[in-house]
Amino acid sequence: MALFDKIFSALKGDDAPVGADKRPDDLQVAVGALLVEAATRDDVFDAAESTAITRLLADRFDLDAQATAALVQASEDAKQGSLELYGFVRRVVRAMDEHQRIEVVEMLWEVVYADGVLDAHEDAMIRKVAGLLYVSDYERGAARRRVREKLGLTA
């Protein structure tokens, strides 16, 4: 929906449900693409990781099922169409404050631990992305501990 259409809808008083605009915005796609990259970094994209991505994106952006499905598809397409992560990272840095960027790192950890196994490539990817997001090593580690505790991975 174009900006003019959104303004016109707001002026008319249209009450569109959350996620009614089915086209994901650039920030949503950037976060989704980073999650897809994390899931596929070990060359295995299983159902647990896909489910985690869907849930995390729906929760983070308060989307309905249809909007979430569109976002997941757009994220997968964007990730396949890009050879680098920097564009996605740059969008996140520009749009999110430090606390929100830490939440993105926590989402990344949740995706890579969804299958119960942390691959060295996944770990390296999160280390790299966290640095590019200006998330400190301490905060990256704290996010990892929170996710491991949440998922019951205490060993």
N, C-alpha and C. Protein backbone atom coordinates (compact mmCIF):
# COMPACT_ATOMS: atom_id res chain seq x y z
N MET A 1 0.85 -1.17 0.00
CA MET A 1 0.00 0.00 0.00
C MET A 1 0.90 1.23 0.00
N ALA A 2 0.66 2.14 -0.91
CA ALA A 2 1.47 3.35 -1.01
C ALA A 2 1.21 4.27 0.17
N LEU A 3 2.17 5.12 0.44
CA LEU A 3 2.05 6.06 1.56
C LEU A 3 0.78 6.88 1.43
N PHE A 4 0.48 7.36 0.22
CA PHE A 4 -0.73 8.15 0.01
C PHE A 4 -1.97 7.35 0.40
N ASP A 5 -2.01 6.08 0.00
CA ASP A 5 -3.16 5.23 0.33
C ASP A 5 -3.30 5.03 1.83
N LYS A 6 -2.17 4.86 2.52
CA LYS A 6 -2.21 4.70 3.97
C LYS A 6 -2.74 5.95 4.64
N ILE A 7 -2.29 7.11 4.18
CA ILE A 7 -2.77 8.37 4.75
C ILE A 7 -4.26 8.54 4.47
N PHE A 8 -4.66 8.25 3.24
CA PHE A 8 -6.07 8.37 2.87
C PHE A 8 -6.93 7.42 3.72
N SER A 9 -6.46 6.20 3.92
CA SER A 9 -7.19 5.24 4.76
C SER A 9 -7.31 5.73 6.18
N ALA A 10 -6.23 6.29 6.69
CA ALA A 10 -6.26 6.81 8.07
C ALA A 10 -7.25 7.96 8.18
N LEU A 11 -7.27 8.83 7.18
CA LEU A 11 -8.20 9.96 7.20
C LEU A 11 -9.65 9.50 7.09
N LYS A 12 -9.88 8.44 6.32
CA LYS A 12 -11.23 7.90 6.18
C LYS A 12 -11.67 7.16 7.44
N GLY A 13 -10.70 6.78 8.28
CA GLY A 13 -11.03 6.06 9.50
C GLY A 13 -11.15 4.58 9.30
N ASP A 14 -10.60 4.06 8.22
CA ASP A 14 -10.62 2.62 7.99
C ASP A 14 -9.84 1.93 9.10
N ASP A 15 -10.44 0.94 9.68
CA ASP A 15 -9.77 0.18 10.75
C ASP A 15 -9.31 -1.14 10.18
N ALA A 16 -8.15 -1.14 9.58
CA ALA A 16 -7.59 -2.38 9.03
C ALA A 16 -6.96 -3.17 10.17
N PRO A 17 -7.17 -4.48 10.19
CA PRO A 17 -6.55 -5.29 11.23
C PRO A 17 -5.03 -5.29 11.09
N VAL A 18 -4.37 -5.61 12.20
CA VAL A 18 -2.91 -5.68 12.17
C VAL A 18 -2.50 -6.69 11.12
N GLY A 19 -1.53 -6.32 10.30
CA GLY A 19 -1.05 -7.22 9.27
C GLY A 19 -1.91 -7.21 8.02
N ALA A 20 -2.87 -6.28 7.93
CA ALA A 20 -3.76 -6.26 6.77
C ALA A 20 -3.00 -5.90 5.50
N ASP A 21 -1.99 -5.06 5.60
CA ASP A 21 -1.15 -4.75 4.45
C ASP A 21 -0.24 -5.95 4.26
N LYS A 22 -0.52 -6.76 3.25
CA LYS A 22 0.14 -8.06 3.10
C LYS A 22 1.58 -7.97 2.64
N ARG A 23 2.01 -6.80 2.18
CA ARG A 23 3.40 -6.67 1.74
C ARG A 23 4.27 -6.29 2.93
N PRO A 24 5.22 -7.12 3.26
CA PRO A 24 6.10 -6.81 4.39
C PRO A 24 6.96 -5.59 4.08
N ASP A 25 7.29 -4.84 5.13
CA ASP A 25 8.17 -3.69 4.92
C ASP A 25 9.63 -4.14 4.93
N ASP A 26 10.51 -3.21 4.56
CA ASP A 26 11.93 -3.54 4.42
C ASP A 26 12.56 -4.04 5.72
N LEU A 27 12.19 -3.45 6.84
CA LEU A 27 12.74 -3.89 8.13
C LEU A 27 12.32 -5.32 8.43
N GLN A 28 11.05 -5.62 8.23
CA GLN A 28 10.56 -6.97 8.48
C GLN A 28 11.29 -7.98 7.61
N VAL A 29 11.46 -7.66 6.36
CA VAL A 29 12.16 -8.57 5.44
C VAL A 29 13.62 -8.72 5.85
N ALA A 30 14.24 -7.63 6.28
CA ALA A 30 15.65 -7.70 6.70
C ALA A 30 15.81 -8.63 7.90
N VAL A 31 14.95 -8.48 8.90
CA VAL A 31 15.02 -9.35 10.07
C VAL A 31 14.73 -10.79 9.65
N GLY A 32 13.71 -10.98 8.85
CA GLY A 32 13.37 -12.32 8.38
C GLY A 32 14.50 -12.97 7.59
N ALA A 33 15.14 -12.20 6.73
CA ALA A 33 16.25 -12.74 5.93
C ALA A 33 17.42 -13.16 6.82
N LEU A 34 17.69 -12.38 7.86
CA LEU A 34 18.75 -12.76 8.81
C LEU A 34 18.39 -14.06 9.52
N LEU A 35 17.12 -14.23 9.88
CA LEU A 35 16.70 -15.47 10.53
C LEU A 35 16.81 -16.65 9.58
N VAL A 36 16.42 -16.45 8.33
CA VAL A 36 16.53 -17.53 7.33
C VAL A 36 18.00 -17.88 7.11
N GLU A 37 18.86 -16.87 7.06
CA GLU A 37 20.29 -17.14 6.90
C GLU A 37 20.82 -17.96 8.08
N ALA A 38 20.39 -17.62 9.28
CA ALA A 38 20.84 -18.38 10.45
C ALA A 38 20.38 -19.83 10.36
N ALA A 39 19.14 -20.02 9.91
CA ALA A 39 18.59 -21.38 9.82
C ALA A 39 19.29 -22.21 8.76
N THR A 40 19.73 -21.58 7.69
CA THR A 40 20.32 -22.32 6.58
C THR A 40 21.84 -22.34 6.61
N ARG A 41 22.44 -21.70 7.57
CA ARG A 41 23.90 -21.60 7.62
C ARG A 41 24.55 -22.97 7.72
N ASP A 42 23.87 -23.92 8.36
CA ASP A 42 24.44 -25.27 8.49
C ASP A 42 23.99 -26.19 7.34
N ASP A 43 23.43 -25.60 6.28
CA ASP A 43 22.96 -26.31 5.10
C ASP A 43 21.76 -27.21 5.36
N VAL A 44 21.09 -27.03 6.51
CA VAL A 44 19.89 -27.79 6.83
C VAL A 44 18.84 -26.79 7.30
N PHE A 45 17.70 -26.78 6.62
CA PHE A 45 16.60 -25.89 7.00
C PHE A 45 15.43 -26.79 7.34
N ASP A 46 15.33 -27.18 8.61
CA ASP A 46 14.32 -28.16 8.98
C ASP A 46 13.04 -27.50 9.49
N ALA A 47 12.04 -28.34 9.77
CA ALA A 47 10.73 -27.86 10.18
C ALA A 47 10.78 -27.08 11.50
N ALA A 48 11.63 -27.50 12.42
CA ALA A 48 11.72 -26.81 13.71
C ALA A 48 12.23 -25.38 13.52
N GLU A 49 13.20 -25.20 12.64
CA GLU A 49 13.73 -23.86 12.37
C GLU A 49 12.69 -23.01 11.64
N SER A 50 11.99 -23.60 10.69
CA SER A 50 10.96 -22.89 9.95
C SER A 50 9.83 -22.44 10.90
N THR A 51 9.44 -23.33 11.78
CA THR A 51 8.40 -23.00 12.76
C THR A 51 8.85 -21.88 13.69
N ALA A 52 10.11 -21.95 14.13
CA ALA A 52 10.65 -20.91 14.99
C ALA A 52 10.65 -19.56 14.28
N ILE A 53 11.07 -19.53 13.03
CA ILE A 53 11.09 -18.28 12.27
C ILE A 53 9.68 -17.71 12.15
N THR A 54 8.73 -18.53 11.80
CA THR A 54 7.35 -18.08 11.66
C THR A 54 6.83 -17.50 12.96
N ARG A 55 7.04 -18.20 14.06
CA ARG A 55 6.57 -17.72 15.37
C ARG A 55 7.26 -16.43 15.77
N LEU A 56 8.57 -16.38 15.61
CA LEU A 56 9.33 -15.19 16.02
C LEU A 56 8.92 -13.95 15.22
N LEU A 57 8.74 -14.10 13.92
CA LEU A 57 8.34 -12.96 13.10
C LEU A 57 6.92 -12.51 13.42
N ALA A 58 6.02 -13.47 13.62
CA ALA A 58 4.64 -13.11 13.98
C ALA A 58 4.60 -12.36 15.29
N ASP A 59 5.35 -12.85 16.28
CA ASP A 59 5.37 -12.20 17.58
C ASP A 59 6.04 -10.83 17.53
N ARG A 60 7.18 -10.75 16.87
CA ARG A 60 7.97 -9.51 16.84
C ARG A 60 7.24 -8.38 16.15
N PHE A 61 6.55 -8.72 15.03
CA PHE A 61 5.90 -7.68 14.24
C PHE A 61 4.37 -7.68 14.39
N ASP A 62 3.85 -8.49 15.31
CA ASP A 62 2.42 -8.54 15.60
C ASP A 62 1.60 -8.75 14.33
N LEU A 63 1.90 -9.85 13.64
CA LEU A 63 1.27 -10.13 12.36
C LEU A 63 0.28 -11.29 12.46
N ASP A 64 -0.73 -11.25 11.61
CA ASP A 64 -1.64 -12.38 11.52
C ASP A 64 -0.98 -13.48 10.68
N ALA A 65 -1.65 -14.61 10.57
CA ALA A 65 -1.06 -15.78 9.89
C ALA A 65 -0.75 -15.50 8.42
N GLN A 66 -1.66 -14.81 7.74
CA GLN A 66 -1.45 -14.54 6.32
C GLN A 66 -0.28 -13.58 6.11
N ALA A 67 -0.20 -12.54 6.91
CA ALA A 67 0.90 -11.57 6.79
C ALA A 67 2.22 -12.22 7.16
N THR A 68 2.19 -13.11 8.15
CA THR A 68 3.41 -13.81 8.54
C THR A 68 3.90 -14.71 7.42
N ALA A 69 2.99 -15.44 6.79
CA ALA A 69 3.37 -16.31 5.67
C ALA A 69 3.98 -15.49 4.53
N ALA A 70 3.40 -14.33 4.25
CA ALA A 70 3.94 -13.47 3.20
C ALA A 70 5.33 -12.97 3.57
N LEU A 71 5.51 -12.64 4.85
CA LEU A 71 6.81 -12.16 5.31
C LEU A 71 7.86 -13.27 5.23
N VAL A 72 7.51 -14.46 5.64
CA VAL A 72 8.46 -15.58 5.57
C VAL A 72 8.87 -15.82 4.12
N GLN A 73 7.91 -15.81 3.21
CA GLN A 73 8.23 -16.02 1.79
C GLN A 73 9.11 -14.89 1.26
N ALA A 74 8.77 -13.65 1.60
CA ALA A 74 9.58 -12.51 1.15
C ALA A 74 10.99 -12.59 1.73
N SER A 75 11.10 -13.05 2.97
CA SER A 75 12.41 -13.18 3.61
C SER A 75 13.26 -14.25 2.93
N GLU A 76 12.64 -15.38 2.61
CA GLU A 76 13.36 -16.44 1.92
C GLU A 76 13.80 -15.97 0.53
N ASP A 77 12.91 -15.26 -0.17
CA ASP A 77 13.24 -14.74 -1.50
C ASP A 77 14.39 -13.73 -1.41
N ALA A 78 14.32 -12.85 -0.44
CA ALA A 78 15.37 -11.83 -0.28
C ALA A 78 16.71 -12.47 0.04
N LYS A 79 16.69 -13.46 0.89
CA LYS A 79 17.94 -14.16 1.26
C LYS A 79 18.52 -14.86 0.06
N GLN A 80 17.68 -15.51 -0.75
CA GLN A 80 18.17 -16.20 -1.95
C GLN A 80 18.69 -15.22 -2.99
N GLY A 81 18.12 -14.02 -3.01
CA GLY A 81 18.51 -13.03 -4.00
C GLY A 81 19.69 -12.18 -3.59
N SER A 82 20.28 -12.47 -2.44
CA SER A 82 21.39 -11.66 -1.95
C SER A 82 22.57 -12.54 -1.57
N LEU A 83 23.75 -12.09 -1.93
CA LEU A 83 24.95 -12.85 -1.60
C LEU A 83 25.59 -12.39 -0.30
N GLU A 84 25.08 -11.30 0.27
CA GLU A 84 25.69 -10.77 1.49
C GLU A 84 24.62 -10.36 2.49
N LEU A 85 25.02 -10.25 3.73
CA LEU A 85 24.11 -9.90 4.82
C LEU A 85 24.11 -8.41 5.13
N TYR A 86 25.09 -7.69 4.62
CA TYR A 86 25.27 -6.31 5.04
C TYR A 86 24.04 -5.43 4.79
N GLY A 87 23.38 -5.59 3.65
CA GLY A 87 22.19 -4.78 3.37
C GLY A 87 21.11 -4.99 4.40
N PHE A 88 20.91 -6.24 4.80
CA PHE A 88 19.89 -6.54 5.81
C PHE A 88 20.29 -5.95 7.16
N VAL A 89 21.56 -6.11 7.50
CA VAL A 89 22.07 -5.59 8.77
C VAL A 89 21.93 -4.07 8.81
N ARG A 90 22.27 -3.42 7.71
CA ARG A 90 22.19 -1.96 7.65
C ARG A 90 20.77 -1.47 7.90
N ARG A 91 19.78 -2.16 7.34
CA ARG A 91 18.37 -1.78 7.57
C ARG A 91 18.01 -1.90 9.04
N VAL A 92 18.47 -2.97 9.68
CA VAL A 92 18.17 -3.19 11.09
C VAL A 92 18.83 -2.10 11.94
N VAL A 93 20.08 -1.81 11.68
CA VAL A 93 20.80 -0.80 12.46
C VAL A 93 20.12 0.56 12.33
N ARG A 94 19.69 0.90 11.14
CA ARG A 94 19.05 2.20 10.92
C ARG A 94 17.69 2.32 11.60
N ALA A 95 16.97 1.21 11.71
CA ALA A 95 15.59 1.28 12.18
C ALA A 95 15.39 0.90 13.65
N MET A 96 16.36 0.22 14.25
CA MET A 96 16.15 -0.30 15.60
C MET A 96 17.16 0.28 16.58
N ASP A 97 16.68 0.45 17.81
CA ASP A 97 17.58 0.90 18.86
C ASP A 97 18.37 -0.29 19.40
N GLU A 98 19.27 -0.02 20.34
CA GLU A 98 20.15 -1.08 20.85
C GLU A 98 19.37 -2.25 21.45
N HIS A 99 18.36 -1.96 22.24
CA HIS A 99 17.57 -3.03 22.86
C HIS A 99 16.90 -3.91 21.79
N GLN A 100 16.37 -3.29 20.76
CA GLN A 100 15.71 -4.05 19.69
C GLN A 100 16.72 -4.88 18.90
N ARG A 101 17.92 -4.35 18.71
CA ARG A 101 18.95 -5.13 18.00
C ARG A 101 19.38 -6.34 18.83
N ILE A 102 19.44 -6.18 20.15
CA ILE A 102 19.74 -7.32 21.03
C ILE A 102 18.64 -8.36 20.90
N GLU A 103 17.39 -7.91 20.79
CA GLU A 103 16.28 -8.85 20.59
C GLU A 103 16.43 -9.62 19.28
N VAL A 104 16.92 -8.96 18.24
CA VAL A 104 17.16 -9.65 16.96
C VAL A 104 18.22 -10.73 17.14
N VAL A 105 19.28 -10.43 17.88
CA VAL A 105 20.32 -11.43 18.15
C VAL A 105 19.72 -12.59 18.94
N GLU A 106 18.86 -12.30 19.87
CA GLU A 106 18.19 -13.36 20.64
C GLU A 106 17.33 -14.21 19.70
N MET A 107 16.66 -13.59 18.76
CA MET A 107 15.87 -14.32 17.78
C MET A 107 16.76 -15.25 16.95
N LEU A 108 17.93 -14.75 16.57
CA LEU A 108 18.87 -15.58 15.81
C LEU A 108 19.27 -16.81 16.61
N TRP A 109 19.59 -16.62 17.88
CA TRP A 109 19.94 -17.76 18.73
C TRP A 109 18.78 -18.75 18.80
N GLU A 110 17.58 -18.23 18.92
CA GLU A 110 16.42 -19.13 19.04
C GLU A 110 16.25 -19.96 17.77
N VAL A 111 16.51 -19.38 16.61
CA VAL A 111 16.41 -20.13 15.36
C VAL A 111 17.48 -21.21 15.28
N VAL A 112 18.73 -20.87 15.59
CA VAL A 112 19.78 -21.88 15.45
C VAL A 112 19.66 -23.00 16.48
N TYR A 113 19.08 -22.71 17.63
CA TYR A 113 18.89 -23.75 18.64
C TYR A 113 17.57 -24.50 18.47
N ALA A 114 16.74 -24.11 17.50
CA ALA A 114 15.44 -24.77 17.31
C ALA A 114 15.58 -26.25 17.04
N ASP A 115 16.65 -26.64 16.35
CA ASP A 115 16.86 -28.06 16.05
C ASP A 115 17.68 -28.75 17.14
N GLY A 116 18.00 -28.02 18.21
CA GLY A 116 18.72 -28.61 19.34
C GLY A 116 20.22 -28.69 19.17
N VAL A 117 20.74 -28.23 18.02
CA VAL A 117 22.16 -28.34 17.75
C VAL A 117 22.69 -26.99 17.26
N LEU A 118 23.82 -26.57 17.84
CA LEU A 118 24.48 -25.36 17.37
C LEU A 118 25.68 -25.76 16.51
N ASP A 119 25.60 -25.44 15.24
CA ASP A 119 26.68 -25.71 14.30
C ASP A 119 27.71 -24.58 14.39
N ALA A 120 28.96 -24.88 14.15
CA ALA A 120 30.03 -23.87 14.22
C ALA A 120 29.78 -22.74 13.22
N HIS A 121 29.21 -23.05 12.06
CA HIS A 121 28.91 -22.02 11.06
C HIS A 121 27.80 -21.08 11.56
N GLU A 122 26.82 -21.65 12.26
CA GLU A 122 25.74 -20.83 12.82
C GLU A 122 26.30 -19.89 13.89
N ASP A 123 27.14 -20.44 14.74
CA ASP A 123 27.75 -19.64 15.81
C ASP A 123 28.57 -18.49 15.22
N ALA A 124 29.36 -18.78 14.20
CA ALA A 124 30.19 -17.75 13.57
C ALA A 124 29.32 -16.69 12.91
N MET A 125 28.23 -17.11 12.28
CA MET A 125 27.34 -16.16 11.63
C MET A 125 26.73 -15.20 12.65
N ILE A 126 26.29 -15.73 13.78
CA ILE A 126 25.69 -14.86 14.81
C ILE A 126 26.74 -13.93 15.38
N ARG A 127 27.94 -14.42 15.59
CA ARG A 127 29.03 -13.55 16.09
C ARG A 127 29.25 -12.39 15.12
N LYS A 128 29.30 -12.70 13.84
CA LYS A 128 29.53 -11.67 12.82
C LYS A 128 28.37 -10.67 12.77
N VAL A 129 27.15 -11.18 12.71
CA VAL A 129 25.98 -10.31 12.61
C VAL A 129 25.83 -9.45 13.87
N ALA A 130 26.04 -10.03 15.03
CA ALA A 130 25.94 -9.25 16.27
C ALA A 130 26.92 -8.09 16.25
N GLY A 131 28.15 -8.34 15.80
CA GLY A 131 29.14 -7.26 15.70
C GLY A 131 28.69 -6.17 14.75
N LEU A 132 28.14 -6.57 13.60
CA LEU A 132 27.66 -5.60 12.62
C LEU A 132 26.45 -4.82 13.14
N LEU A 133 25.69 -5.45 14.05
CA LEU A 133 24.53 -4.79 14.66
C LEU A 133 24.92 -3.92 15.86
N TYR A 134 26.22 -3.86 16.14
CA TYR A 134 26.73 -3.11 17.30
C TYR A 134 26.19 -3.66 18.62
N VAL A 135 26.07 -5.00 18.66
CA VAL A 135 25.70 -5.70 19.89
C VAL A 135 27.00 -6.25 20.47
N SER A 136 27.28 -5.92 21.71
CA SER A 136 28.54 -6.32 22.34
C SER A 136 28.62 -7.84 22.52
N ASP A 137 29.84 -8.32 22.68
CA ASP A 137 30.04 -9.75 22.95
C ASP A 137 29.29 -10.16 24.22
N TYR A 138 29.32 -9.28 25.21
CA TYR A 138 28.61 -9.58 26.47
C TYR A 138 27.12 -9.76 26.21
N GLU A 139 26.51 -8.83 25.48
CA GLU A 139 25.07 -8.91 25.21
C GLU A 139 24.74 -10.11 24.32
N ARG A 140 25.62 -10.41 23.37
CA ARG A 140 25.42 -11.59 22.51
C ARG A 140 25.41 -12.85 23.36
N GLY A 141 26.37 -12.95 24.29
CA GLY A 141 26.43 -14.10 25.18
C GLY A 141 25.24 -14.18 26.12
N ALA A 142 24.81 -13.03 26.61
CA ALA A 142 23.64 -13.00 27.51
C ALA A 142 22.39 -13.44 26.75
N ALA A 143 22.26 -13.00 25.50
CA ALA A 143 21.10 -13.41 24.69
C ALA A 143 21.13 -14.92 24.47
N ARG A 144 22.32 -15.45 24.23
CA ARG A 144 22.46 -16.90 24.04
C ARG A 144 22.05 -17.65 25.31
N ARG A 145 22.49 -17.18 26.46
CA ARG A 145 22.13 -17.83 27.73
C ARG A 145 20.62 -17.79 27.96
N ARG A 146 19.99 -16.65 27.66
CA ARG A 146 18.54 -16.54 27.85
C ARG A 146 17.80 -17.55 26.97
N VAL A 147 18.24 -17.68 25.73
CA VAL A 147 17.58 -18.62 24.80
C VAL A 147 17.81 -20.06 25.26
N ARG A 148 19.01 -20.40 25.63
CA ARG A 148 19.30 -21.75 26.09
C ARG A 148 18.44 -22.10 27.32
N GLU A 149 18.30 -21.14 28.21
CA GLU A 149 17.47 -21.36 29.40
C GLU A 149 16.00 -21.51 29.01
N LYS A 150 15.54 -20.65 28.13
CA LYS A 150 14.14 -20.70 27.67
C LYS A 150 13.82 -22.03 27.00
N LEU A 151 14.78 -22.57 26.24
CA LEU A 151 14.56 -23.82 25.52
C LEU A 151 14.92 -25.06 26.34
N GLY A 152 15.39 -24.84 27.56
CA GLY A 152 15.75 -25.97 28.42
C GLY A 152 17.05 -26.64 28.03
N LEU A 153 17.95 -25.90 27.40
CA LEU A 153 19.25 -26.43 26.98
C LEU A 153 20.29 -25.99 28.00
N THR A 154 20.28 -26.58 29.16
CA THR A 154 21.14 -26.13 30.25
C THR A 154 22.51 -26.78 30.28
N ALA A 155 22.72 -27.79 29.46
CA ALA A 155 24.01 -28.50 29.50
C ALA A 155 25.10 -27.68 28.90
